[in-house]
Amino acid sequence: MSRVCELTGKKAMVGNNVSHAMNRTKRKFHANLVKKRFYIPEEDSWITLKVSTSALKTINKIGISAAIKEAKSKGFLK
């Protein structure tokens, strides 16, 4: 599975390592992902998602049901 957040769609960005001599080499900035289980009371079931830590903060704020509904409307989750 690729390194993509299942709720927000965040993925790796490309940038440069810059040395003191200003030499630039390509690098990747990966999303800060964690694998987490969530309980959905409406469905009375558990779901495992690979989410970014910023998505975890969003889930804590608006709830898992609202976050899943928003992700489905944006097309990140099926």
N, C-alpha and C. Protein backbone atom coordinates (compact mmCIF):
# COMPACT_ATOMS: atom_id res chain seq x y z
N MET A 1 0.84 -1.18 0.00
CA MET A 1 0.00 0.00 0.00
C MET A 1 0.88 1.24 0.00
N SER A 2 0.46 2.26 -0.72
CA SER A 2 1.28 3.45 -0.84
C SER A 2 1.17 4.32 0.41
N ARG A 3 2.06 5.26 0.54
CA ARG A 3 2.10 6.15 1.71
C ARG A 3 1.19 7.35 1.47
N VAL A 4 -0.11 7.10 1.56
CA VAL A 4 -1.11 8.14 1.33
C VAL A 4 -2.13 8.07 2.47
N CYS A 5 -2.49 9.22 3.01
CA CYS A 5 -3.51 9.28 4.04
C CYS A 5 -4.86 8.95 3.43
N GLU A 6 -5.61 8.05 4.07
CA GLU A 6 -6.88 7.60 3.51
C GLU A 6 -8.01 8.59 3.73
N LEU A 7 -7.83 9.56 4.63
CA LEU A 7 -8.89 10.53 4.88
C LEU A 7 -8.64 11.88 4.22
N THR A 8 -7.38 12.30 4.15
CA THR A 8 -7.09 13.62 3.58
C THR A 8 -6.42 13.56 2.22
N GLY A 9 -5.88 12.40 1.84
CA GLY A 9 -5.21 12.28 0.55
C GLY A 9 -3.78 12.81 0.55
N LYS A 10 -3.25 13.13 1.73
CA LYS A 10 -1.88 13.64 1.79
C LYS A 10 -0.91 12.56 1.34
N LYS A 11 0.11 12.97 0.58
CA LYS A 11 1.15 12.04 0.14
C LYS A 11 2.48 12.75 0.10
N ALA A 12 3.52 12.05 -0.35
CA ALA A 12 4.87 12.59 -0.32
C ALA A 12 5.01 13.78 -1.27
N MET A 13 5.80 14.77 -0.81
CA MET A 13 6.13 15.92 -1.63
C MET A 13 7.61 15.82 -2.01
N VAL A 14 8.00 16.47 -3.09
CA VAL A 14 9.39 16.44 -3.54
C VAL A 14 10.04 17.79 -3.26
N GLY A 15 11.27 17.72 -2.78
CA GLY A 15 12.01 18.94 -2.50
C GLY A 15 13.50 18.71 -2.65
N ASN A 16 14.29 19.57 -2.04
CA ASN A 16 15.74 19.48 -2.15
C ASN A 16 16.38 19.42 -0.77
N ASN A 17 17.46 18.62 -0.67
CA ASN A 17 18.40 18.76 0.43
C ASN A 17 19.36 19.86 0.01
N VAL A 18 19.59 20.84 0.85
CA VAL A 18 20.47 21.94 0.50
C VAL A 18 21.63 21.93 1.48
N SER A 19 22.85 21.74 0.96
CA SER A 19 24.03 21.71 1.81
C SER A 19 24.49 23.14 2.12
N HIS A 20 25.49 23.23 2.98
CA HIS A 20 26.03 24.54 3.33
C HIS A 20 26.62 25.23 2.09
N ALA A 21 27.12 24.42 1.16
CA ALA A 21 27.68 24.97 -0.08
C ALA A 21 26.61 25.20 -1.14
N MET A 22 25.33 25.10 -0.74
CA MET A 22 24.17 25.33 -1.61
C MET A 22 24.06 24.28 -2.72
N ASN A 23 24.65 23.10 -2.54
CA ASN A 23 24.43 22.01 -3.47
C ASN A 23 23.04 21.43 -3.20
N ARG A 24 22.30 21.16 -4.26
CA ARG A 24 20.94 20.66 -4.10
C ARG A 24 20.82 19.24 -4.63
N THR A 25 20.26 18.36 -3.82
CA THR A 25 19.95 17.00 -4.24
C THR A 25 18.49 16.73 -3.91
N LYS A 26 17.84 15.95 -4.76
CA LYS A 26 16.41 15.68 -4.58
C LYS A 26 16.17 14.83 -3.34
N ARG A 27 15.01 15.06 -2.70
CA ARG A 27 14.59 14.27 -1.56
C ARG A 27 13.07 14.27 -1.52
N LYS A 28 12.51 13.43 -0.67
CA LYS A 28 11.06 13.36 -0.50
C LYS A 28 10.69 13.73 0.93
N PHE A 29 9.61 14.46 1.06
CA PHE A 29 9.01 14.76 2.35
C PHE A 29 7.79 13.86 2.47
N HIS A 30 7.89 12.78 3.27
CA HIS A 30 6.78 11.85 3.41
C HIS A 30 5.76 12.38 4.41
N ALA A 31 4.51 11.99 4.21
CA ALA A 31 3.45 12.35 5.14
C ALA A 31 3.66 11.58 6.44
N ASN A 32 3.29 12.20 7.55
CA ASN A 32 3.43 11.58 8.87
C ASN A 32 2.22 10.67 9.09
N LEU A 33 2.35 9.39 8.72
CA LEU A 33 1.23 8.46 8.75
C LEU A 33 1.30 7.50 9.92
N VAL A 34 0.14 7.15 10.46
CA VAL A 34 0.01 6.13 11.49
C VAL A 34 -1.15 5.22 11.12
N LYS A 35 -1.02 3.94 11.51
CA LYS A 35 -2.09 2.98 11.29
C LYS A 35 -2.92 2.94 12.57
N LYS A 36 -4.24 3.20 12.47
CA LYS A 36 -5.06 3.36 13.66
C LYS A 36 -6.42 2.69 13.47
N ARG A 37 -6.92 2.07 14.55
CA ARG A 37 -8.25 1.47 14.54
C ARG A 37 -9.25 2.45 15.15
N PHE A 38 -10.40 2.57 14.51
CA PHE A 38 -11.45 3.46 14.99
C PHE A 38 -12.74 2.66 15.15
N TYR A 39 -13.50 2.99 16.19
CA TYR A 39 -14.80 2.37 16.42
C TYR A 39 -15.88 3.29 15.86
N ILE A 40 -16.75 2.72 15.03
CA ILE A 40 -17.85 3.48 14.44
C ILE A 40 -19.14 3.01 15.11
N PRO A 41 -19.70 3.83 16.01
CA PRO A 41 -20.88 3.39 16.76
C PRO A 41 -22.12 3.20 15.90
N GLU A 42 -22.27 3.94 14.81
CA GLU A 42 -23.45 3.81 13.95
C GLU A 42 -23.51 2.42 13.30
N GLU A 43 -22.34 1.91 12.91
CA GLU A 43 -22.26 0.60 12.26
C GLU A 43 -21.92 -0.50 13.26
N ASP A 44 -21.59 -0.13 14.50
CA ASP A 44 -21.17 -1.05 15.55
C ASP A 44 -20.01 -1.93 15.07
N SER A 45 -18.99 -1.28 14.48
CA SER A 45 -17.85 -2.02 13.95
C SER A 45 -16.56 -1.21 14.11
N TRP A 46 -15.46 -1.91 13.95
CA TRP A 46 -14.13 -1.29 13.98
C TRP A 46 -13.61 -1.18 12.56
N ILE A 47 -12.86 -0.12 12.29
CA ILE A 47 -12.25 0.09 10.98
C ILE A 47 -10.80 0.50 11.20
N THR A 48 -9.90 -0.05 10.37
CA THR A 48 -8.48 0.30 10.44
C THR A 48 -8.15 1.21 9.27
N LEU A 49 -7.57 2.37 9.58
CA LEU A 49 -7.21 3.34 8.55
C LEU A 49 -5.76 3.75 8.71
N LYS A 50 -5.13 4.07 7.60
CA LYS A 50 -3.79 4.68 7.62
C LYS A 50 -4.00 6.17 7.42
N VAL A 51 -3.83 6.94 8.51
CA VAL A 51 -4.14 8.36 8.47
C VAL A 51 -2.94 9.18 8.90
N SER A 52 -2.92 10.43 8.45
CA SER A 52 -1.88 11.36 8.87
C SER A 52 -2.22 11.86 10.27
N THR A 53 -1.22 12.37 10.96
CA THR A 53 -1.45 12.86 12.32
C THR A 53 -2.34 14.10 12.31
N SER A 54 -2.30 14.87 11.25
CA SER A 54 -3.22 16.02 11.16
C SER A 54 -4.66 15.54 10.98
N ALA A 55 -4.85 14.40 10.30
CA ALA A 55 -6.19 13.84 10.17
C ALA A 55 -6.69 13.33 11.53
N LEU A 56 -5.78 12.82 12.37
CA LEU A 56 -6.15 12.40 13.72
C LEU A 56 -6.69 13.57 14.52
N LYS A 57 -6.06 14.73 14.39
CA LYS A 57 -6.54 15.92 15.08
C LYS A 57 -7.93 16.31 14.58
N THR A 58 -8.16 16.17 13.29
CA THR A 58 -9.46 16.47 12.71
C THR A 58 -10.51 15.50 13.23
N ILE A 59 -10.16 14.21 13.34
CA ILE A 59 -11.08 13.20 13.85
C ILE A 59 -11.44 13.51 15.31
N ASN A 60 -10.45 13.92 16.10
CA ASN A 60 -10.72 14.28 17.49
C ASN A 60 -11.64 15.49 17.58
N LYS A 61 -11.57 16.36 16.60
CA LYS A 61 -12.37 17.59 16.63
C LYS A 61 -13.80 17.36 16.14
N ILE A 62 -13.96 16.71 14.97
CA ILE A 62 -15.29 16.58 14.37
C ILE A 62 -15.90 15.19 14.51
N GLY A 63 -15.09 14.20 14.89
CA GLY A 63 -15.60 12.84 15.04
C GLY A 63 -15.29 11.99 13.82
N ILE A 64 -15.21 10.67 14.04
CA ILE A 64 -14.84 9.75 12.97
C ILE A 64 -15.93 9.66 11.90
N SER A 65 -17.19 9.69 12.29
CA SER A 65 -18.28 9.57 11.31
C SER A 65 -18.28 10.74 10.34
N ALA A 66 -18.12 11.95 10.87
CA ALA A 66 -18.09 13.14 10.01
C ALA A 66 -16.85 13.15 9.13
N ALA A 67 -15.71 12.69 9.66
CA ALA A 67 -14.47 12.66 8.89
C ALA A 67 -14.57 11.66 7.73
N ILE A 68 -15.17 10.50 7.99
CA ILE A 68 -15.34 9.50 6.93
C ILE A 68 -16.31 10.02 5.87
N LYS A 69 -17.38 10.66 6.30
CA LYS A 69 -18.36 11.22 5.36
C LYS A 69 -17.71 12.27 4.46
N GLU A 70 -16.88 13.12 5.05
CA GLU A 70 -16.17 14.16 4.28
C GLU A 70 -15.17 13.55 3.30
N ALA A 71 -14.45 12.50 3.73
CA ALA A 71 -13.47 11.84 2.87
C ALA A 71 -14.17 11.16 1.70
N LYS A 72 -15.33 10.56 1.94
CA LYS A 72 -16.08 9.91 0.85
C LYS A 72 -16.58 10.95 -0.16
N SER A 73 -17.01 12.12 0.33
CA SER A 73 -17.49 13.13 -0.59
C SER A 73 -16.37 13.71 -1.45
N LYS A 74 -15.15 13.74 -0.89
CA LYS A 74 -13.99 14.23 -1.65
C LYS A 74 -13.35 13.16 -2.51
N GLY A 75 -13.75 11.88 -2.33
CA GLY A 75 -13.26 10.79 -3.16
C GLY A 75 -12.01 10.12 -2.65
N PHE A 76 -11.60 10.37 -1.41
CA PHE A 76 -10.40 9.75 -0.87
C PHE A 76 -10.70 8.35 -0.32
N LEU A 77 -11.92 8.12 0.12
CA LEU A 77 -12.31 6.85 0.74
C LEU A 77 -13.52 6.30 0.02
N LYS A 78 -13.52 4.99 -0.20
CA LYS A 78 -14.64 4.39 -0.94
C LYS A 78 -15.67 3.81 -0.02
